[in-house]
Amino acid sequence: MAITEVRVLKQVSVLPTQDAINAQWVTQVMRDGEVINETTDYKSYSADKAAEFSNDVANASHYMAVLGWTV
């Protein structure tokens, strides 16, 4: 009876009018491959958090390019 926890990026929203990016994750606790609990969390990134966004999200440069952000 193995219990594991998986965090999955569910959605990224680029907000050009606010110069921000929002990310939504789902964290699933699984027992023997079956989800027994699920939570959702959100995080907003501004231009000064571009490096943090780059570390948190795979392929972040694709989203950052829309806003002209660089790391």
C-alpha atoms as a PDB file:
ATOM      1  CA  MET A   1       0.000   0.000   0.000  1.00  0.00           C
ATOM      2  CA  ALA A   2       2.173   2.835  -1.331  1.00  0.00           C
ATOM      3  CA  ILE A   3       1.113   6.441  -0.806  1.00  0.00           C
ATOM      4  CA  THR A   4       2.596   9.050  -3.125  1.00  0.00           C
ATOM      5  CA  GLU A   5       2.090  12.742  -3.742  1.00  0.00           C
ATOM      6  CA  VAL A   6       2.202  14.304  -7.203  1.00  0.00           C
ATOM      7  CA  ARG A   7       2.107  18.019  -8.038  1.00  0.00           C
ATOM      8  CA  VAL A   8       0.886  18.775 -11.548  1.00  0.00           C
ATOM      9  CA  LEU A   9       0.756  22.123 -13.311  1.00  0.00           C
ATOM     10  CA  LYS A  10      -2.835  22.455 -14.451  1.00  0.00           C
ATOM     11  CA  GLN A  11      -3.074  25.902 -16.024  1.00  0.00           C
ATOM     12  CA  VAL A  12      -0.973  28.960 -16.852  1.00  0.00           C
ATOM     13  CA  SER A  13      -2.646  32.281 -17.614  1.00  0.00           C
ATOM     14  CA  VAL A  14      -0.681  35.172 -19.087  1.00  0.00           C
ATOM     15  CA  LEU A  15      -2.203  38.516 -18.119  1.00  0.00           C
ATOM     16  CA  PRO A  16      -0.639  41.160 -20.415  1.00  0.00           C
ATOM     17  CA  THR A  17      -2.719  44.043 -19.058  1.00  0.00           C
ATOM     18  CA  GLN A  18      -1.386  43.318 -15.562  1.00  0.00           C
ATOM     19  CA  ASP A  19       2.138  42.282 -16.650  1.00  0.00           C
ATOM     20  CA  ALA A  20       1.633  39.091 -14.661  1.00  0.00           C
ATOM     21  CA  ILE A  21       1.366  35.332 -14.996  1.00  0.00           C
ATOM     22  CA  ASN A  22      -0.904  33.119 -12.894  1.00  0.00           C
ATOM     23  CA  ALA A  23      -0.248  29.419 -12.413  1.00  0.00           C
ATOM     24  CA  GLN A  24      -2.540  26.761 -11.002  1.00  0.00           C
ATOM     25  CA  TRP A  25      -1.350  23.436  -9.614  1.00  0.00           C
ATOM     26  CA  VAL A  26      -3.165  20.335  -8.476  1.00  0.00           C
ATOM     27  CA  THR A  27      -1.546  18.215  -5.791  1.00  0.00           C
ATOM     28  CA  GLN A  28      -2.808  14.658  -5.712  1.00  0.00           C
ATOM     29  CA  VAL A  29      -2.247  12.156  -2.930  1.00  0.00           C
ATOM     30  CA  MET A  30      -2.461   8.672  -4.352  1.00  0.00           C
ATOM     31  CA  ARG A  31      -2.679   5.228  -2.810  1.00  0.00           C
ATOM     32  CA  ASP A  32      -1.832   2.345  -5.103  1.00  0.00           C
ATOM     33  CA  GLY A  33      -2.458   4.509  -8.189  1.00  0.00           C
ATOM     34  CA  GLU A  34      -5.840   5.826  -7.021  1.00  0.00           C
ATOM     35  CA  VAL A  35      -6.356   9.487  -6.053  1.00  0.00           C
ATOM     36  CA  ILE A  36      -7.473   9.705  -2.416  1.00  0.00           C
ATOM     37  CA  ASN A  37      -7.098  13.469  -1.952  1.00  0.00           C
ATOM     38  CA  GLU A  38      -6.653  16.466  -4.246  1.00  0.00           C
ATOM     39  CA  THR A  39      -5.901  20.104  -3.507  1.00  0.00           C
ATOM     40  CA  THR A  40      -5.487  23.095  -5.782  1.00  0.00           C
ATOM     41  CA  ASP A  41      -3.194  26.045  -5.242  1.00  0.00           C
ATOM     42  CA  TYR A  42      -2.518  29.204  -7.202  1.00  0.00           C
ATOM     43  CA  LYS A  43       0.453  31.511  -7.524  1.00  0.00           C
ATOM     44  CA  SER A  44       0.841  34.863  -9.270  1.00  0.00           C
ATOM     45  CA  TYR A  45       4.145  36.074 -10.694  1.00  0.00           C
ATOM     46  CA  SER A  46       5.098  39.626 -11.609  1.00  0.00           C
ATOM     47  CA  ALA A  47       8.102  40.663 -13.716  1.00  0.00           C
ATOM     48  CA  ASP A  48      10.352  40.814 -10.644  1.00  0.00           C
ATOM     49  CA  LYS A  49       9.502  37.127  -9.998  1.00  0.00           C
ATOM     50  CA  ALA A  50      10.444  35.970 -13.525  1.00  0.00           C
ATOM     51  CA  ALA A  51      13.357  33.839 -12.252  1.00  0.00           C
ATOM     52  CA  GLU A  52      11.091  32.129  -9.727  1.00  0.00           C
ATOM     53  CA  PHE A  53       8.499  31.444 -12.438  1.00  0.00           C
ATOM     54  CA  SER A  54      11.239  30.019 -14.655  1.00  0.00           C
ATOM     55  CA  ASN A  55      12.270  27.639 -11.858  1.00  0.00           C
ATOM     56  CA  ASP A  56       8.699  26.592 -11.031  1.00  0.00           C
ATOM     57  CA  VAL A  57       7.316  25.989 -14.530  1.00  0.00           C
ATOM     58  CA  ALA A  58       8.703  23.852 -17.351  1.00  0.00           C
ATOM     59  CA  ASN A  59       8.854  25.701 -20.685  1.00  0.00           C
ATOM     60  CA  ALA A  60       8.430  28.982 -18.820  1.00  0.00           C
ATOM     61  CA  SER A  61      10.252  30.926 -21.535  1.00  0.00           C
ATOM     62  CA  HIS A  62       7.292  30.379 -23.880  1.00  0.00           C
ATOM     63  CA  TYR A  63       4.962  32.201 -21.488  1.00  0.00           C
ATOM     64  CA  MET A  64       7.520  34.824 -20.484  1.00  0.00           C
ATOM     65  CA  ALA A  65       8.143  35.784 -24.118  1.00  0.00           C
ATOM     66  CA  VAL A  66       4.533  36.960 -24.424  1.00  0.00           C
ATOM     67  CA  LEU A  67       5.264  39.606 -21.778  1.00  0.00           C
ATOM     68  CA  GLY A  68       8.829  40.315 -22.859  1.00  0.00           C
ATOM     69  CA  TRP A  69      10.276  38.935 -19.625  1.00  0.00           C
ATOM     70  CA  THR A  70      13.788  37.503 -19.517  1.00  0.00           C
ATOM     71  CA  VAL A  71      15.793  35.771 -16.827  1.00  0.00           C
END
